[in-house]
Amino acid sequence: MKVLQLHKNKASRLRVIASLLAGTVLITPLIAVAQVNTSELSPQEQELDQKGRIADRLQGIENEKASLKIKESPATEANPGYDIPVRSYGLQRETEPPRYVKQLNKTWLKDSESLKDVDWVDLGLESRLRYEYRDNDFRRNKDVLDEPLLLRTRIYAAVKSKFDPLRATIELQDSRRFDSVFAPDNRDINKVNVMQGYGELYFKDALGKDDLGNDRPISIKAGRMAFELSDRRLVARNEWRNTTNNFLGLRTTLGQPKSDWQADLFALQPVVRLIDQGDKADQAQWFNGASGEWRKWSKAVTLQPYYYLLQQDANKVLYASDGTIAPASAHINRKIYTAGLRGYGVVGNTGLDYDANYAKQWGEDGGLDHDAYAYSLEAGYTANHSWKPRLSGLISFASGDKNPKDNTSQRFERLFGFARPWSNNDYIQMENIHASKVRVELNPTSKLKIDFGYSWYELDSATDRWSGGANLRDQTGKSGKNIGQEFDMRVRYPISKFIGLNVGYAYFMAGDFTKKTSQLVEPGRKDNSSFLYVETSFYAF
């Protein structure tokens, strides 16, 4: 009867989300726009046809941007792009350069006569301070009240255009934590380090221009870099965390965000974050891959195929991902292949949007055959109202290992992604998880943004670990799969051009799995947890 009741509860909440997804899922196959065959047209007819298609595309873009009420810069208005803004919660990639960076002649420095025309230098200075109140943090293995103060400072400088094709970028970061009851770790602490430092060859229009007149450049970077791909779930800077993912190696980018297509090719070594010394590239690992974006095929969908390969040499393993010396169990050979496809878009002027992603993994993991997969599907509706309310539903999944004693590993490898959109408590990683969420987002004024949501979390495999919950695990599977439920809310407001405020709260209610396994580690531990934070960001430009 208990199993039946759990099934009914799960079915009930899935029906809520399914009702949000159904309309979009049913019409998705119909949204592709037919391509006009011009091979039999005369040159004059082809020219008229091309002008018509460009005019149609421009009108479509204007409609989409008017629907979203996006404020465009004069440069963007004069030369529209094919890129469609992502509405999905938490999946908007950080820009390159980052948002806190400005072109020198667009900052207050332009008031200097000698600097007013300097458009070939980018500068940025950001300092973020966050107070956290964490009562019974399930990321930790004990029930305590922790009130850390997190400080992160970034400095960015780049030289561009004036010396093309030669360019250069440097970004420094200092991350510190104060007043925590826990020992230092590289999730929060990474003292002064070079987050980005690379030389670049940049060829502005090496691949010509698209139908809207946007350049398709070629960029070749060599050095240390931090960037984001696709929906951020597998490759991300990890903006929420106090420290940042970065890599050392080569990256080639074809095209740009505004052009009709874009591709990234890279061969990189992950950088290990060390608390009290300079960061080092992980000589045991290589992360190679390719990621593309095709934006021209249809106004209603952007397609992002990707292919990654993570390799590890057991003989060269020195550090664990947390920056400590790796245990003997980590000295294994790994070769994990990941192939996937993401599609997202806005369905005309209906107010509907969607975001779907599927990833398949295979290879070898420490002598085990690796066979895993993950998917996510989000659908939303933005009402035509001054507050721009958006209601969305999300179903997401990442496989877990079914049997710890067989010769196969089904635990999805989360690579170097950003996990917080799964849980505002930061409890969920992209492995062994089945998550469902409903969310409401509001913009009561042009500046004020409010969002709140409710989530349900279960393990995929009852015998595998909950990595976000201090690796709690029951290899017998008798503790069940129910991790728990979470309510969260967030308020964001730019106090001024130079100060931003972000306040949030999340409340977690433990399920049967969490209750049973955590009690084995610490008898008497509370079932629920609370997380409150107040974050301010200061910008020099």
Protein backbone atom coordinates (compact mmCIF):
# COMPACT_ATOMS: atom_id res chain seq x y z
CA MET A 1 0.00 0.00 0.00
CA LYS A 2 2.86 2.40 0.77
CA VAL A 3 4.39 1.80 -2.65
CA LEU A 4 0.98 2.39 -4.25
CA GLN A 5 0.53 5.66 -2.35
CA LEU A 6 4.00 6.90 -3.37
CA HIS A 7 3.14 6.07 -6.96
CA LYS A 8 -0.12 8.04 -6.70
CA ASN A 9 1.67 11.05 -5.21
CA LYS A 10 4.26 11.00 -7.95
CA ALA A 11 1.61 10.61 -10.65
CA SER A 12 -0.35 13.53 -9.20
CA ARG A 13 2.51 15.99 -9.31
CA LEU A 14 3.60 14.82 -12.75
CA ARG A 15 0.09 15.51 -14.04
CA VAL A 16 0.43 19.13 -12.86
CA ILE A 17 3.62 19.55 -14.84
CA ALA A 18 2.41 17.50 -17.79
CA SER A 19 -0.53 19.88 -18.24
CA LEU A 20 1.99 22.72 -18.70
CA LEU A 21 4.18 20.73 -21.09
CA ALA A 22 1.52 19.07 -23.20
CA GLY A 23 0.55 22.01 -25.40
CA THR A 24 4.12 22.81 -26.30
CA VAL A 25 5.17 19.20 -26.80
CA LEU A 26 2.28 18.56 -29.20
CA ILE A 27 3.01 21.56 -31.40
CA THR A 28 6.81 21.34 -31.37
CA PRO A 29 6.95 19.05 -34.46
CA LEU A 30 4.90 21.66 -36.36
CA ILE A 31 7.05 24.70 -35.69
CA ALA A 32 9.76 24.15 -38.31
CA VAL A 33 9.49 26.65 -41.15
CA ALA A 34 9.67 25.20 -44.68
CA GLN A 35 12.74 26.26 -46.63
CA VAL A 36 12.07 27.83 -50.05
CA ASN A 37 13.80 26.07 -52.95
CA THR A 38 15.31 28.80 -55.12
CA SER A 39 17.37 26.61 -57.42
CA GLU A 40 14.89 27.06 -60.32
CA LEU A 41 14.42 30.83 -59.97
CA SER A 42 16.00 33.47 -62.20
CA PRO A 43 18.70 35.74 -60.70
CA GLN A 44 16.17 38.60 -60.44
CA GLU A 45 13.62 36.33 -58.76
CA GLN A 46 16.27 34.95 -56.41
CA GLU A 47 17.23 38.49 -55.37
CA LEU A 48 13.62 39.42 -54.71
CA ASP A 49 13.13 36.15 -52.82
CA GLN A 50 16.19 36.76 -50.66
CA LYS A 51 15.04 40.31 -49.87
CA GLY A 52 11.64 38.95 -48.94
CA ARG A 53 13.13 36.32 -46.62
CA ILE A 54 15.36 38.92 -44.95
CA ALA A 55 12.40 41.28 -44.46
CA ASP A 56 10.36 38.39 -43.05
CA ARG A 57 13.16 37.43 -40.67
CA LEU A 58 13.61 41.03 -39.50
CA GLN A 59 9.88 41.34 -38.82
CA GLY A 60 9.90 38.04 -36.93
CA ILE A 61 12.80 39.17 -34.76
CA GLU A 62 11.09 42.47 -33.99
CA ASN A 63 7.92 40.63 -32.97
CA GLU A 64 9.87 38.23 -30.73
CA LYS A 65 11.82 41.01 -29.05
CA ALA A 66 8.71 43.16 -28.63
CA SER A 67 7.03 40.17 -26.98
CA LEU A 68 9.89 39.85 -24.53
CA LYS A 69 10.24 43.64 -24.18
CA ILE A 70 13.98 43.37 -24.43
CA LYS A 71 15.97 46.56 -24.35
CA GLU A 72 18.42 46.50 -27.26
CA SER A 73 21.48 48.66 -27.75
CA PRO A 74 21.54 50.95 -30.82
CA ALA A 75 24.14 48.71 -32.45
CA THR A 76 21.94 45.64 -32.09
CA GLU A 77 18.87 47.47 -33.38
CA ALA A 78 20.81 48.59 -36.46
CA ASN A 79 22.02 45.08 -37.21
CA PRO A 80 19.67 42.39 -35.81
CA GLY A 81 20.87 38.87 -35.12
CA TYR A 82 19.46 35.38 -35.34
CA ASP A 83 19.83 34.74 -31.61
CA ILE A 84 16.61 34.29 -29.65
CA PRO A 85 16.77 35.01 -25.88
CA VAL A 86 16.47 31.99 -23.60
CA ARG A 87 13.50 32.17 -21.25
CA SER A 88 14.27 28.93 -19.37
CA TYR A 89 14.93 29.41 -15.66
CA GLY A 90 18.63 29.74 -14.82
CA LEU A 91 19.88 28.59 -18.23
CA GLN A 92 20.92 31.95 -19.69
CA ARG A 93 24.64 31.67 -20.42
CA GLU A 94 27.11 34.23 -19.17
CA THR A 95 28.14 36.52 -22.01
CA GLU A 96 31.67 36.80 -23.40
CA PRO A 97 33.01 39.10 -22.04
CA PRO A 98 31.03 38.79 -18.76
CA ARG A 99 28.16 41.19 -18.02
CA TYR A 100 30.14 43.23 -15.52
CA VAL A 101 32.61 44.19 -18.27
CA LYS A 102 32.19 47.35 -20.36
CA GLN A 103 33.94 48.88 -23.35
CA LEU A 104 36.16 51.67 -22.04
CA ASN A 105 34.54 54.49 -24.04
CA LYS A 106 31.13 53.42 -22.69
CA THR A 107 32.15 53.87 -19.05
CA TRP A 108 32.58 57.02 -16.94
CA LEU A 109 36.22 57.01 -18.04
CA LYS A 110 35.09 58.47 -21.38
CA ASP A 111 34.89 61.86 -19.65
CA SER A 112 38.65 61.99 -20.00
CA GLU A 113 39.56 63.59 -23.31
CA SER A 114 42.31 61.03 -23.95
CA LEU A 115 39.99 58.05 -23.39
CA LYS A 116 36.70 59.08 -25.01
CA ASP A 117 37.51 57.35 -28.31
CA VAL A 118 39.12 54.20 -26.90
CA ASP A 119 36.80 51.46 -28.15
CA TRP A 120 39.43 48.71 -28.28
CA VAL A 121 39.76 48.09 -24.53
CA ASP A 122 37.30 46.21 -22.25
CA LEU A 123 37.42 46.75 -18.48
CA GLY A 124 35.54 45.29 -15.55
CA LEU A 125 35.69 45.28 -11.76
CA GLU A 126 33.11 43.43 -9.67
CA SER A 127 32.93 42.64 -5.97
CA ARG A 128 30.20 40.36 -4.61
CA LEU A 129 29.39 39.93 -0.92
CA ARG A 130 26.92 37.27 0.24
CA TYR A 131 25.68 36.48 3.72
CA GLU A 132 24.24 32.97 4.12
CA TYR A 133 22.11 31.54 6.90
CA ARG A 134 22.13 27.74 6.61
CA ASP A 135 20.31 25.72 9.25
CA ASN A 136 20.90 21.97 8.85
CA ASP A 137 22.65 22.13 5.48
CA PHE A 138 22.28 18.67 3.88
CA ARG A 139 25.38 19.27 1.75
CA ARG A 140 27.22 18.69 5.05
CA ASN A 141 27.32 15.52 7.12
CA LYS A 142 26.14 17.13 10.35
CA ASP A 143 23.25 19.28 11.58
CA VAL A 144 24.56 22.71 12.60
CA LEU A 145 23.78 26.37 12.02
CA ASP A 146 26.31 27.94 9.65
CA GLU A 147 26.41 31.66 8.85
CA PRO A 148 29.29 32.20 6.42
CA LEU A 149 30.18 35.45 4.69
CA LEU A 150 31.34 34.92 1.10
CA LEU A 151 33.40 37.49 -0.77
CA ARG A 152 34.34 37.28 -4.45
CA THR A 153 36.24 39.94 -6.41
CA ARG A 154 36.95 39.93 -10.14
CA ILE A 155 39.08 42.18 -12.36
CA TYR A 156 38.91 41.96 -16.15
CA ALA A 157 40.92 43.64 -18.89
CA ALA A 158 41.11 42.90 -22.61
CA VAL A 159 42.68 44.44 -25.68
CA LYS A 160 40.71 43.93 -28.90
CA SER A 161 40.30 45.17 -32.49
CA LYS A 162 43.15 47.72 -32.56
CA PHE A 163 45.84 45.09 -33.09
CA ASP A 164 43.76 42.50 -34.93
CA PRO A 165 44.19 39.65 -35.48
CA LEU A 166 46.11 39.71 -32.16
CA ARG A 167 44.06 40.09 -28.99
CA ALA A 168 44.61 39.37 -25.29
CA THR A 169 42.45 38.90 -22.18
CA ILE A 170 43.11 38.54 -18.47
CA GLU A 171 40.61 38.01 -15.65
CA LEU A 172 41.71 37.71 -12.03
CA GLN A 173 39.53 36.37 -9.22
CA ASP A 174 39.84 36.24 -5.44
CA SER A 175 37.35 34.10 -3.48
CA ARG A 176 37.18 33.97 0.31
CA ARG A 177 34.88 32.75 3.08
CA PHE A 178 34.63 34.05 6.64
CA ASP A 179 32.88 32.91 9.84
CA SER A 180 31.99 29.40 8.76
CA VAL A 181 31.92 26.48 11.19
CA PHE A 182 33.31 24.18 8.49
CA ALA A 183 36.87 23.63 7.31
CA PRO A 184 38.02 25.61 4.24
CA ASP A 185 37.14 24.07 0.86
CA ASN A 186 37.58 25.07 -2.78
CA ARG A 187 33.84 25.41 -3.29
CA ASP A 188 34.06 28.76 -1.48
CA ILE A 189 37.77 29.62 -1.21
CA ASN A 190 40.30 30.19 -4.00
CA LYS A 191 42.67 33.02 -3.19
CA VAL A 192 44.02 35.35 -5.88
CA ASN A 193 44.31 33.40 -9.12
CA VAL A 194 44.25 33.86 -12.87
CA MET A 195 40.80 32.70 -13.90
CA GLN A 196 41.35 33.72 -17.51
CA GLY A 197 44.58 34.58 -19.26
CA TYR A 198 44.81 33.90 -22.97
CA GLY A 199 46.06 35.17 -26.29
CA GLU A 200 43.70 35.22 -29.23
CA LEU A 201 43.80 35.30 -33.02
CA TYR A 202 40.60 36.99 -34.22
CA PHE A 203 39.58 37.19 -37.89
CA LYS A 204 36.46 39.37 -38.04
CA ASP A 205 34.71 38.12 -41.20
CA ALA A 206 36.80 35.10 -42.16
CA LEU A 207 33.66 33.04 -42.86
CA GLY A 208 31.75 35.81 -44.61
CA LYS A 209 28.45 37.31 -43.50
CA ASP A 210 25.00 35.86 -42.95
CA ASP A 211 21.79 37.08 -44.63
CA LEU A 212 21.33 39.77 -41.96
CA GLY A 213 24.82 41.16 -42.49
CA ASN A 214 26.41 39.74 -39.33
CA ASP A 215 30.07 38.76 -39.51
CA ARG A 216 31.02 35.12 -39.05
CA PRO A 217 34.43 35.47 -37.36
CA ILE A 218 37.02 32.88 -36.45
CA SER A 219 38.50 33.11 -32.94
CA ILE A 220 41.40 30.95 -31.78
CA LYS A 221 42.25 31.20 -28.08
CA ALA A 222 45.21 29.65 -26.24
CA GLY A 223 45.69 29.80 -22.47
CA ARG A 224 43.48 29.69 -19.41
CA MET A 225 39.78 30.37 -19.98
CA ALA A 226 36.29 30.11 -18.49
CA PHE A 227 33.14 29.88 -20.60
CA GLU A 228 29.71 28.26 -20.92
CA LEU A 229 28.10 26.05 -23.57
CA SER A 230 24.56 24.94 -24.43
CA ASP A 231 22.28 25.05 -21.34
CA ARG A 232 25.18 25.29 -18.82
CA ARG A 233 24.38 21.88 -17.32
CA LEU A 234 27.62 20.28 -18.59
CA VAL A 235 30.00 23.21 -19.22
CA ALA A 236 29.67 26.37 -17.12
CA ARG A 237 31.56 29.06 -15.24
CA ASN A 238 29.27 28.30 -12.28
CA GLU A 239 28.30 31.87 -11.45
CA TRP A 240 26.45 31.13 -8.20
CA ARG A 241 29.32 29.35 -6.51
CA ASN A 242 32.00 31.51 -4.91
CA THR A 243 34.69 29.86 -7.06
CA THR A 244 34.69 29.32 -10.82
CA ASN A 245 35.34 26.48 -13.27
CA ASN A 246 38.12 27.14 -15.76
CA PHE A 247 40.39 25.28 -18.18
CA LEU A 248 43.81 25.42 -19.82
CA GLY A 249 44.24 24.69 -23.51
CA LEU A 250 42.93 25.63 -26.95
CA ARG A 251 39.48 26.77 -28.06
CA THR A 252 38.35 27.73 -31.54
CA THR A 253 35.04 29.52 -32.12
CA LEU A 254 33.46 29.84 -35.56
CA GLY A 255 30.73 32.45 -35.87
CA GLN A 256 29.25 34.56 -33.06
CA PRO A 257 26.03 34.72 -30.98
CA LYS A 258 24.27 36.96 -33.53
CA SER A 259 25.17 34.97 -36.65
CA ASP A 260 23.05 32.27 -38.26
CA TRP A 261 25.29 29.48 -36.98
CA GLN A 262 28.14 29.02 -34.52
CA ALA A 263 30.52 26.24 -33.49
CA ASP A 264 33.06 25.67 -30.70
CA LEU A 265 35.95 23.20 -30.86
CA PHE A 266 38.23 22.71 -27.87
CA ALA A 267 41.01 20.63 -26.31
CA LEU A 268 41.37 21.52 -22.63
CA GLN A 269 42.66 20.39 -19.25
CA PRO A 270 40.48 21.26 -16.22
CA VAL A 271 42.15 23.62 -13.75
CA VAL A 272 42.27 22.32 -10.17
CA ARG A 273 41.33 25.02 -7.65
CA LEU A 274 43.83 25.08 -4.78
CA ILE A 275 43.01 27.06 -1.66
CA ASP A 276 46.36 28.44 -0.57
CA GLN A 277 48.51 28.18 -3.69
CA GLY A 278 48.34 28.85 -7.41
CA ASP A 279 45.84 26.75 -9.33
CA LYS A 280 47.20 23.99 -11.56
CA ALA A 281 46.00 22.27 -14.70
CA ASP A 282 44.99 18.66 -14.06
CA GLN A 283 47.64 16.71 -15.95
CA ALA A 284 45.59 13.52 -15.60
CA GLN A 285 42.55 14.79 -17.54
CA TRP A 286 41.73 16.05 -21.00
CA PHE A 287 38.36 17.47 -21.93
CA ASN A 288 37.87 17.65 -25.70
CA GLY A 289 34.78 18.34 -27.72
CA ALA A 290 32.64 20.29 -30.13
CA SER A 291 29.41 22.24 -29.65
CA GLY A 292 27.30 23.88 -32.35
CA GLU A 293 24.32 26.19 -32.75
CA TRP A 294 22.03 26.36 -35.78
CA ARG A 295 19.70 29.36 -35.55
CA LYS A 296 18.56 29.94 -39.13
CA TRP A 297 16.55 26.77 -39.73
CA SER A 298 13.44 28.09 -38.00
CA LYS A 299 12.34 31.18 -36.10
CA ALA A 300 10.88 28.93 -33.43
CA VAL A 301 13.85 26.70 -32.61
CA THR A 302 17.58 26.96 -32.02
CA LEU A 303 19.35 23.61 -32.26
CA GLN A 304 22.50 22.89 -30.23
CA PRO A 305 24.22 19.56 -30.95
CA TYR A 306 27.29 18.71 -28.84
CA TYR A 307 29.90 15.99 -28.41
CA TYR A 308 32.38 15.76 -25.52
CA LEU A 309 35.14 13.36 -24.48
CA LEU A 310 36.55 13.28 -20.94
CA GLN A 311 39.72 11.19 -20.58
CA GLN A 312 41.69 10.41 -17.43
CA ASP A 313 45.08 8.71 -17.10
CA ALA A 314 45.26 6.74 -13.85
CA ASN A 315 49.05 7.11 -13.68
CA LYS A 316 48.88 10.92 -13.64
CA VAL A 317 46.12 11.45 -11.08
CA LEU A 318 47.29 13.75 -8.28
CA TYR A 319 44.36 15.89 -7.12
CA ALA A 320 40.70 15.23 -6.42
CA SER A 321 38.13 17.72 -7.71
CA ASP A 322 38.01 19.39 -4.27
CA GLY A 323 41.71 20.27 -4.52
CA THR A 324 42.86 17.69 -1.98
CA ILE A 325 45.31 14.88 -2.72
CA ALA A 326 43.38 12.17 -4.54
CA PRO A 327 42.77 8.89 -2.66
CA ALA A 328 43.99 5.60 -4.13
CA SER A 329 40.46 4.80 -5.32
CA ALA A 330 40.58 7.80 -7.67
CA HIS A 331 43.58 6.47 -9.60
CA ILE A 332 41.54 4.96 -12.43
CA ASN A 333 41.43 5.20 -16.20
CA ARG A 334 38.36 6.87 -17.60
CA LYS A 335 37.05 7.56 -21.10
CA ILE A 336 33.56 9.07 -21.02
CA TYR A 337 31.85 10.06 -24.28
CA THR A 338 28.86 12.41 -24.23
CA ALA A 339 26.66 13.23 -27.23
CA GLY A 340 23.52 15.31 -27.05
CA LEU A 341 21.07 17.66 -28.68
CA ARG A 342 19.27 20.65 -27.23
CA GLY A 343 16.41 22.56 -28.85
CA TYR A 344 14.79 25.67 -27.45
CA GLY A 345 12.70 28.57 -28.65
CA VAL A 346 9.66 30.79 -28.43
CA VAL A 347 6.50 29.80 -30.30
CA GLY A 348 5.58 32.91 -32.27
CA ASN A 349 3.47 35.41 -30.35
CA THR A 350 1.62 32.77 -28.33
CA GLY A 351 3.61 33.43 -25.16
CA LEU A 352 4.75 29.79 -25.13
CA ASP A 353 8.39 28.79 -24.85
CA TYR A 354 10.16 25.45 -24.49
CA ASP A 355 13.59 23.97 -23.82
CA ALA A 356 14.40 20.29 -24.39
CA ASN A 357 17.75 18.52 -24.03
CA TYR A 358 18.87 14.88 -24.25
CA ALA A 359 22.37 13.53 -23.57
CA LYS A 360 23.72 10.00 -23.96
CA GLN A 361 26.99 8.75 -22.42
CA TRP A 362 29.09 5.67 -23.04
CA GLY A 363 32.69 4.53 -22.59
CA GLU A 364 34.83 3.10 -19.80
CA ASP A 365 34.99 4.17 -16.16
CA GLY A 366 37.61 2.48 -13.99
CA GLY A 367 37.22 -0.90 -15.64
CA LEU A 368 33.41 -0.65 -15.80
CA ASP A 369 31.36 -0.20 -18.94
CA HIS A 370 29.80 3.27 -18.81
CA ASP A 371 26.22 3.56 -20.04
CA ALA A 372 24.21 6.57 -18.86
CA TYR A 373 21.79 9.22 -20.07
CA ALA A 374 20.04 12.42 -19.02
CA TYR A 375 17.22 14.61 -20.25
CA SER A 376 15.32 17.75 -19.36
CA LEU A 377 12.12 19.33 -20.67
CA GLU A 378 10.89 22.75 -19.64
CA ALA A 379 7.83 24.56 -21.00
CA GLY A 380 6.62 28.00 -20.05
CA TYR A 381 3.96 30.58 -20.76
CA THR A 382 4.46 34.34 -20.47
CA ALA A 383 1.21 36.29 -20.19
CA ASN A 384 0.65 39.58 -22.01
CA HIS A 385 0.63 41.65 -18.82
CA SER A 386 2.73 44.55 -17.56
CA TRP A 387 4.28 42.29 -14.92
CA LYS A 388 5.33 39.78 -17.62
CA PRO A 389 4.35 36.76 -15.46
CA ARG A 390 5.85 33.46 -16.64
CA LEU A 391 4.56 30.09 -15.43
CA SER A 392 6.78 27.10 -16.20
CA GLY A 393 7.12 23.39 -15.53
CA LEU A 394 10.26 21.28 -15.62
CA ILE A 395 10.88 17.54 -15.72
CA SER A 396 14.54 16.50 -15.60
CA PHE A 397 16.45 13.26 -15.15
CA ALA A 398 20.01 11.93 -14.87
CA SER A 399 20.59 8.21 -14.51
CA GLY A 400 22.14 6.51 -11.49
CA ASP A 401 24.05 3.25 -11.05
CA LYS A 402 21.60 0.35 -10.81
CA ASN A 403 23.85 -2.25 -9.18
CA PRO A 404 27.09 -1.44 -7.33
CA LYS A 405 28.27 -5.04 -7.78
CA ASP A 406 27.97 -5.50 -11.56
CA ASN A 407 30.39 -4.53 -14.35
CA THR A 408 28.43 -1.52 -15.60
CA SER A 409 28.22 2.06 -14.39
CA GLN A 410 25.00 3.92 -15.21
CA ARG A 411 25.75 7.01 -13.10
CA PHE A 412 25.66 10.07 -15.36
CA GLU A 413 28.93 12.03 -15.43
CA ARG A 414 28.03 15.68 -14.84
CA LEU A 415 31.34 16.98 -16.25
CA PHE A 416 31.82 20.70 -15.45
CA GLY A 417 28.28 21.99 -15.32
CA PHE A 418 26.12 24.33 -13.28
CA ALA A 419 23.67 22.55 -10.97
CA ARG A 420 21.84 25.28 -9.05
CA PRO A 421 18.80 25.59 -11.38
CA TRP A 422 17.89 22.11 -10.08
CA SER A 423 17.84 23.31 -6.45
CA ASN A 424 18.20 26.76 -4.90
CA ASN A 425 19.59 25.02 -1.82
CA ASP A 426 22.31 23.68 -4.15
CA TYR A 427 21.38 20.14 -3.05
CA ILE A 428 21.07 18.52 -6.48
CA GLN A 429 23.82 17.45 -8.87
CA MET A 430 23.26 16.12 -12.38
CA GLU A 431 23.52 12.45 -11.46
CA ASN A 432 21.11 9.83 -10.11
CA ILE A 433 18.21 12.26 -9.96
CA HIS A 434 14.62 12.62 -11.09
CA ALA A 435 13.42 16.16 -10.47
CA SER A 436 10.15 17.98 -11.16
CA LYS A 437 9.50 21.69 -10.66
CA VAL A 438 6.82 24.34 -11.14
CA ARG A 439 7.84 28.01 -11.09
CA VAL A 440 6.40 31.51 -11.36
CA GLU A 441 8.48 34.52 -12.44
CA LEU A 442 7.32 38.14 -12.20
CA ASN A 443 8.62 41.58 -13.17
CA PRO A 444 6.41 44.01 -11.18
CA THR A 445 8.56 46.95 -12.40
CA SER A 446 11.22 47.41 -15.06
CA LYS A 447 13.88 46.67 -12.41
CA LEU A 448 12.29 44.40 -9.80
CA LYS A 449 12.34 40.65 -10.52
CA ILE A 450 10.66 38.03 -8.32
CA ASP A 451 10.48 34.26 -8.77
CA PHE A 452 9.38 31.34 -6.63
CA GLY A 453 8.99 27.62 -7.19
CA TYR A 454 8.24 24.21 -5.76
CA SER A 455 10.31 21.09 -6.51
CA TRP A 456 10.16 17.33 -5.92
CA TYR A 457 13.34 15.20 -5.87
CA GLU A 458 13.83 11.44 -6.11
CA LEU A 459 16.79 9.18 -6.79
CA ASP A 460 16.80 7.33 -10.09
CA SER A 461 18.48 4.34 -8.40
CA ALA A 462 17.75 3.59 -4.74
CA THR A 463 21.14 1.88 -4.42
CA ASP A 464 23.23 4.79 -5.70
CA ARG A 465 24.34 7.95 -3.88
CA TRP A 466 22.79 11.38 -3.41
CA SER A 467 25.89 13.41 -4.24
CA GLY A 468 24.40 16.80 -3.34
CA GLY A 469 23.47 15.42 0.08
CA ALA A 470 27.00 14.69 1.33
CA ASN A 471 27.04 11.45 -0.73
CA LEU A 472 24.38 9.74 1.40
CA ARG A 473 23.80 6.20 0.13
CA ASP A 474 22.04 2.95 0.94
CA GLN A 475 23.45 0.16 -1.23
CA THR A 476 20.64 -2.13 -0.16
CA GLY A 477 18.03 0.23 -1.59
CA LYS A 478 15.81 -0.24 1.47
CA SER A 479 15.70 3.50 2.25
CA GLY A 480 13.75 4.17 -0.93
CA LYS A 481 14.17 6.94 -3.49
CA ASN A 482 12.37 9.94 -2.00
CA ILE A 483 14.95 12.70 -1.35
CA GLY A 484 12.43 15.40 -0.50
CA GLN A 485 10.68 18.59 -1.60
CA GLU A 486 11.81 22.21 -1.75
CA PHE A 487 10.14 25.62 -1.79
CA ASP A 488 12.22 28.61 -2.88
CA MET A 489 11.84 32.28 -3.68
CA ARG A 490 14.15 35.03 -4.91
CA VAL A 491 14.04 38.83 -5.27
CA ARG A 492 16.48 40.78 -7.46
CA TYR A 493 16.74 44.54 -7.71
CA PRO A 494 19.44 46.88 -9.12
CA ILE A 495 19.75 49.61 -6.49
CA SER A 496 21.75 51.68 -8.94
CA LYS A 497 23.90 51.27 -12.03
CA PHE A 498 26.74 50.20 -9.75
CA ILE A 499 24.95 48.13 -7.07
CA GLY A 500 22.76 45.06 -7.39
CA LEU A 501 20.75 43.27 -4.68
CA ASN A 502 19.77 39.58 -4.64
CA VAL A 503 17.80 38.08 -1.72
CA GLY A 504 16.56 34.49 -1.57
CA TYR A 505 15.13 31.80 0.67
CA ALA A 506 14.77 28.02 0.29
CA TYR A 507 13.08 25.50 2.59
CA PHE A 508 13.75 21.78 2.18
CA MET A 509 11.56 18.97 3.55
CA ALA A 510 13.33 15.63 3.73
CA GLY A 511 11.83 12.47 2.19
CA ASP A 512 12.16 8.89 3.40
CA PHE A 513 15.58 8.29 1.82
CA THR A 514 17.07 11.44 3.35
CA LYS A 515 15.55 10.80 6.77
CA LYS A 516 16.76 7.19 7.02
CA THR A 517 20.27 7.61 5.63
CA SER A 518 21.06 10.87 7.47
CA GLN A 519 19.96 9.33 10.77
CA LEU A 520 22.58 6.62 10.27
CA VAL A 521 25.29 9.29 10.04
CA GLU A 522 23.94 11.55 12.80
CA PRO A 523 21.11 10.17 14.95
CA GLY A 524 18.53 12.81 15.83
CA ARG A 525 19.21 15.02 12.82
CA LYS A 526 16.32 17.30 11.84
CA ASP A 527 14.24 16.43 8.80
CA ASN A 528 14.09 19.93 7.32
CA SER A 529 16.54 22.68 6.43
CA SER A 530 16.38 26.46 5.89
CA PHE A 531 18.58 28.62 3.69
CA LEU A 532 18.44 32.43 3.58
CA TYR A 533 20.89 34.64 1.73
CA VAL A 534 21.42 38.34 1.10
CA GLU A 535 23.80 39.18 -1.73
CA THR A 536 25.07 42.54 -2.97
CA SER A 537 27.19 43.08 -6.06
CA PHE A 538 29.25 46.21 -6.68
CA TYR A 539 30.40 47.26 -10.15
CA ALA A 540 33.05 49.84 -11.04
CA PHE A 541 31.63 50.44 -14.52
